[in-house]
Amino acid sequence: MSNLAPPDPEKLKSLYEIVATQWRPIETAPKNGDDILVAMWGNTALVVSWDNENPEYPWITLDGPSYAKEAPTHWMPIPTLPEKD
């Protein structure tokens, strides 16, 4: 049996609103090779970077080129990791 309390719906809503406002149109994404977080297929997020050498599949994932037929729709900077307490 878990000792975890159920999540507070108001805190979850606030967290969602913070993250949701950070998504930006993909047209504004950096194309300099920096890693970014992108939204793809409506329910998938991937860490990618732009590859100028591959115009047909310019988004590179951690595993290599993304051969997705649909391009990402939105992006955001990779969030800063929390500091260790």
N, C-alpha and C. Protein backbone atom coordinates (compact mmCIF):
# COMPACT_ATOMS: atom_id res chain seq x y z
N MET A 1 0.85 -1.18 0.00
CA MET A 1 0.00 0.00 0.00
C MET A 1 0.89 1.24 0.00
N SER A 2 0.56 2.21 -0.80
CA SER A 2 1.36 3.42 -0.94
C SER A 2 1.00 4.45 0.12
N ASN A 3 2.01 5.18 0.57
CA ASN A 3 1.80 6.27 1.52
C ASN A 3 1.66 7.61 0.80
N LEU A 4 1.61 7.58 -0.51
CA LEU A 4 1.52 8.83 -1.26
C LEU A 4 0.10 9.39 -1.21
N ALA A 5 0.02 10.68 -0.99
CA ALA A 5 -1.27 11.36 -1.00
C ALA A 5 -1.69 11.59 -2.45
N PRO A 6 -2.98 11.62 -2.73
CA PRO A 6 -3.40 11.93 -4.10
C PRO A 6 -2.97 13.34 -4.49
N PRO A 7 -2.69 13.56 -5.77
CA PRO A 7 -2.25 14.90 -6.19
C PRO A 7 -3.33 15.94 -5.94
N ASP A 8 -2.88 17.13 -5.61
CA ASP A 8 -3.79 18.26 -5.40
C ASP A 8 -4.21 18.79 -6.77
N PRO A 9 -5.50 18.71 -7.11
CA PRO A 9 -5.95 19.15 -8.45
C PRO A 9 -5.59 20.59 -8.76
N GLU A 10 -5.62 21.47 -7.78
CA GLU A 10 -5.29 22.89 -8.05
C GLU A 10 -3.81 23.05 -8.38
N LYS A 11 -2.94 22.30 -7.70
CA LYS A 11 -1.51 22.37 -8.01
C LYS A 11 -1.23 21.79 -9.39
N LEU A 12 -1.91 20.70 -9.73
CA LEU A 12 -1.73 20.13 -11.06
C LEU A 12 -2.19 21.10 -12.14
N LYS A 13 -3.31 21.75 -11.92
CA LYS A 13 -3.82 22.73 -12.88
C LYS A 13 -2.83 23.87 -13.05
N SER A 14 -2.28 24.37 -11.95
CA SER A 14 -1.30 25.47 -12.03
C SER A 14 -0.06 25.03 -12.80
N LEU A 15 0.42 23.82 -12.54
CA LEU A 15 1.61 23.31 -13.23
C LEU A 15 1.32 23.19 -14.73
N TYR A 16 0.15 22.66 -15.07
CA TYR A 16 -0.21 22.53 -16.47
C TYR A 16 -0.25 23.89 -17.15
N GLU A 17 -0.83 24.89 -16.49
CA GLU A 17 -0.93 26.22 -17.09
C GLU A 17 0.45 26.84 -17.31
N ILE A 18 1.37 26.61 -16.38
CA ILE A 18 2.73 27.13 -16.53
C ILE A 18 3.40 26.50 -17.74
N VAL A 19 3.34 25.16 -17.84
CA VAL A 19 3.99 24.47 -18.95
C VAL A 19 3.30 24.81 -20.28
N ALA A 20 1.98 24.84 -20.28
CA ALA A 20 1.25 25.10 -21.52
C ALA A 20 1.57 26.47 -22.11
N THR A 21 1.87 27.45 -21.27
CA THR A 21 2.17 28.79 -21.78
C THR A 21 3.58 28.90 -22.33
N GLN A 22 4.41 27.89 -22.12
CA GLN A 22 5.79 27.95 -22.60
C GLN A 22 5.95 27.38 -24.01
N TRP A 23 4.94 26.67 -24.53
CA TRP A 23 5.03 26.14 -25.89
C TRP A 23 4.97 27.30 -26.88
N ARG A 24 5.82 27.22 -27.89
CA ARG A 24 5.92 28.27 -28.91
C ARG A 24 5.71 27.66 -30.30
N PRO A 25 5.25 28.44 -31.26
CA PRO A 25 5.10 27.90 -32.62
C PRO A 25 6.43 27.37 -33.15
N ILE A 26 6.38 26.26 -33.87
CA ILE A 26 7.61 25.62 -34.35
C ILE A 26 8.40 26.53 -35.29
N GLU A 27 7.72 27.46 -35.95
CA GLU A 27 8.42 28.38 -36.86
C GLU A 27 9.44 29.25 -36.14
N THR A 28 9.30 29.38 -34.82
CA THR A 28 10.23 30.22 -34.05
C THR A 28 11.34 29.41 -33.40
N ALA A 29 11.39 28.11 -33.65
CA ALA A 29 12.40 27.24 -33.02
C ALA A 29 13.81 27.59 -33.50
N PRO A 30 14.81 27.47 -32.62
CA PRO A 30 16.18 27.73 -33.03
C PRO A 30 16.65 26.66 -34.02
N LYS A 31 17.42 27.09 -34.99
CA LYS A 31 17.96 26.17 -35.99
C LYS A 31 19.48 26.22 -35.95
N ASN A 32 20.00 26.19 -34.72
CA ASN A 32 21.44 26.31 -34.53
C ASN A 32 22.06 25.06 -33.89
N GLY A 33 21.27 23.97 -33.79
CA GLY A 33 21.79 22.74 -33.21
C GLY A 33 21.52 22.58 -31.72
N ASP A 34 20.92 23.60 -31.07
CA ASP A 34 20.59 23.47 -29.65
C ASP A 34 19.49 22.43 -29.46
N ASP A 35 19.58 21.66 -28.38
CA ASP A 35 18.51 20.72 -28.03
C ASP A 35 17.29 21.49 -27.55
N ILE A 36 16.11 21.07 -28.01
CA ILE A 36 14.85 21.67 -27.59
C ILE A 36 13.83 20.55 -27.40
N LEU A 37 12.74 20.87 -26.75
CA LEU A 37 11.63 19.94 -26.59
C LEU A 37 10.56 20.31 -27.61
N VAL A 38 10.10 19.32 -28.40
CA VAL A 38 9.07 19.59 -29.39
C VAL A 38 7.85 18.73 -29.15
N ALA A 39 6.70 19.25 -29.57
CA ALA A 39 5.45 18.50 -29.53
C ALA A 39 5.19 17.96 -30.93
N MET A 40 4.93 16.65 -30.99
CA MET A 40 4.66 16.00 -32.27
C MET A 40 3.45 15.09 -32.13
N TRP A 41 2.69 14.95 -33.17
CA TRP A 41 1.58 14.01 -33.25
C TRP A 41 0.50 14.28 -32.21
N GLY A 42 0.48 15.44 -31.63
CA GLY A 42 -0.58 15.80 -30.71
C GLY A 42 -0.43 15.29 -29.30
N ASN A 43 0.35 14.23 -29.10
CA ASN A 43 0.49 13.71 -27.75
C ASN A 43 1.89 13.19 -27.45
N THR A 44 2.86 13.59 -28.23
CA THR A 44 4.22 13.12 -28.04
C THR A 44 5.16 14.30 -27.93
N ALA A 45 6.09 14.22 -27.00
CA ALA A 45 7.14 15.23 -26.86
C ALA A 45 8.49 14.54 -27.03
N LEU A 46 9.36 15.18 -27.77
CA LEU A 46 10.70 14.63 -28.03
C LEU A 46 11.75 15.72 -27.84
N VAL A 47 12.94 15.30 -27.44
CA VAL A 47 14.09 16.20 -27.43
C VAL A 47 14.75 16.07 -28.80
N VAL A 48 14.90 17.20 -29.48
CA VAL A 48 15.48 17.20 -30.83
C VAL A 48 16.43 18.39 -30.99
N SER A 49 17.14 18.37 -32.09
CA SER A 49 17.91 19.53 -32.52
C SER A 49 17.79 19.61 -34.05
N TRP A 50 18.13 20.75 -34.61
CA TRP A 50 18.00 20.99 -36.05
C TRP A 50 19.29 20.58 -36.74
N ASP A 51 19.15 19.90 -37.89
CA ASP A 51 20.30 19.47 -38.67
C ASP A 51 20.22 20.10 -40.06
N ASN A 52 21.07 21.07 -40.31
CA ASN A 52 21.08 21.76 -41.62
C ASN A 52 21.51 20.85 -42.76
N GLU A 53 22.12 19.72 -42.45
CA GLU A 53 22.66 18.83 -43.48
C GLU A 53 21.60 17.90 -44.08
N ASN A 54 20.43 17.82 -43.46
CA ASN A 54 19.42 16.88 -43.91
C ASN A 54 18.09 17.61 -44.13
N PRO A 55 17.92 18.28 -45.28
CA PRO A 55 16.72 19.10 -45.49
C PRO A 55 15.42 18.29 -45.52
N GLU A 56 15.49 17.02 -45.90
CA GLU A 56 14.26 16.21 -45.94
C GLU A 56 13.76 15.85 -44.54
N TYR A 57 14.69 15.55 -43.62
CA TYR A 57 14.35 15.20 -42.24
C TYR A 57 15.28 15.99 -41.31
N PRO A 58 15.01 17.29 -41.11
CA PRO A 58 15.96 18.14 -40.40
C PRO A 58 15.99 17.97 -38.88
N TRP A 59 14.96 17.35 -38.30
CA TRP A 59 14.93 17.21 -36.84
C TRP A 59 15.66 15.94 -36.43
N ILE A 60 16.68 16.10 -35.59
CA ILE A 60 17.48 14.98 -35.10
C ILE A 60 17.06 14.68 -33.66
N THR A 61 16.71 13.42 -33.40
CA THR A 61 16.39 13.01 -32.03
C THR A 61 17.67 12.45 -31.39
N LEU A 62 17.57 12.04 -30.15
CA LEU A 62 18.72 11.45 -29.49
C LEU A 62 19.15 10.15 -30.17
N ASP A 63 18.21 9.51 -30.90
CA ASP A 63 18.49 8.25 -31.60
C ASP A 63 18.88 8.44 -33.06
N GLY A 64 18.84 9.66 -33.56
CA GLY A 64 19.14 9.91 -34.96
C GLY A 64 18.04 10.72 -35.61
N PRO A 65 18.02 10.77 -36.95
CA PRO A 65 17.00 11.58 -37.64
C PRO A 65 15.58 11.12 -37.31
N SER A 66 14.68 12.07 -37.23
CA SER A 66 13.27 11.77 -37.05
C SER A 66 12.66 11.64 -38.44
N TYR A 67 12.20 10.43 -38.76
CA TYR A 67 11.63 10.18 -40.08
C TYR A 67 10.11 10.33 -40.07
N ALA A 68 9.61 11.07 -39.10
CA ALA A 68 8.18 11.28 -38.99
C ALA A 68 7.66 12.02 -40.22
N LYS A 69 6.50 11.60 -40.69
CA LYS A 69 5.90 12.28 -41.85
C LYS A 69 5.37 13.64 -41.45
N GLU A 70 4.99 13.79 -40.19
CA GLU A 70 4.49 15.08 -39.71
C GLU A 70 5.59 15.78 -38.92
N ALA A 71 5.74 17.05 -39.19
CA ALA A 71 6.76 17.84 -38.48
C ALA A 71 6.22 18.26 -37.11
N PRO A 72 7.11 18.61 -36.20
CA PRO A 72 6.65 19.14 -34.92
C PRO A 72 5.79 20.38 -35.12
N THR A 73 4.90 20.62 -34.19
CA THR A 73 4.02 21.79 -34.29
C THR A 73 4.41 22.90 -33.33
N HIS A 74 5.02 22.54 -32.19
CA HIS A 74 5.40 23.51 -31.17
C HIS A 74 6.72 23.10 -30.53
N TRP A 75 7.35 24.05 -29.88
CA TRP A 75 8.60 23.76 -29.21
C TRP A 75 8.69 24.58 -27.93
N MET A 76 9.63 24.20 -27.06
CA MET A 76 9.96 24.98 -25.87
C MET A 76 11.39 24.64 -25.47
N PRO A 77 12.05 25.56 -24.77
CA PRO A 77 13.38 25.24 -24.25
C PRO A 77 13.27 24.06 -23.27
N ILE A 78 14.32 23.30 -23.17
CA ILE A 78 14.32 22.20 -22.21
C ILE A 78 14.32 22.82 -20.81
N PRO A 79 13.35 22.42 -19.98
CA PRO A 79 13.29 23.00 -18.63
C PRO A 79 14.55 22.72 -17.82
N THR A 80 14.85 23.62 -16.93
CA THR A 80 15.98 23.44 -16.01
C THR A 80 15.63 22.35 -15.01
N LEU A 81 16.58 21.47 -14.77
CA LEU A 81 16.34 20.41 -13.79
C LEU A 81 16.29 21.00 -12.38
N PRO A 82 15.51 20.40 -11.50
CA PRO A 82 15.46 20.90 -10.11
C PRO A 82 16.80 20.68 -9.43
N GLU A 83 17.10 21.57 -8.52
CA GLU A 83 18.33 21.42 -7.76
C GLU A 83 18.15 20.38 -6.67
N LYS A 84 19.23 19.72 -6.34
CA LYS A 84 19.19 18.71 -5.28
C LYS A 84 19.01 19.41 -3.94
N ASP A 85 18.09 18.87 -3.14
CA ASP A 85 17.85 19.48 -1.81
C ASP A 85 18.99 19.21 -0.87
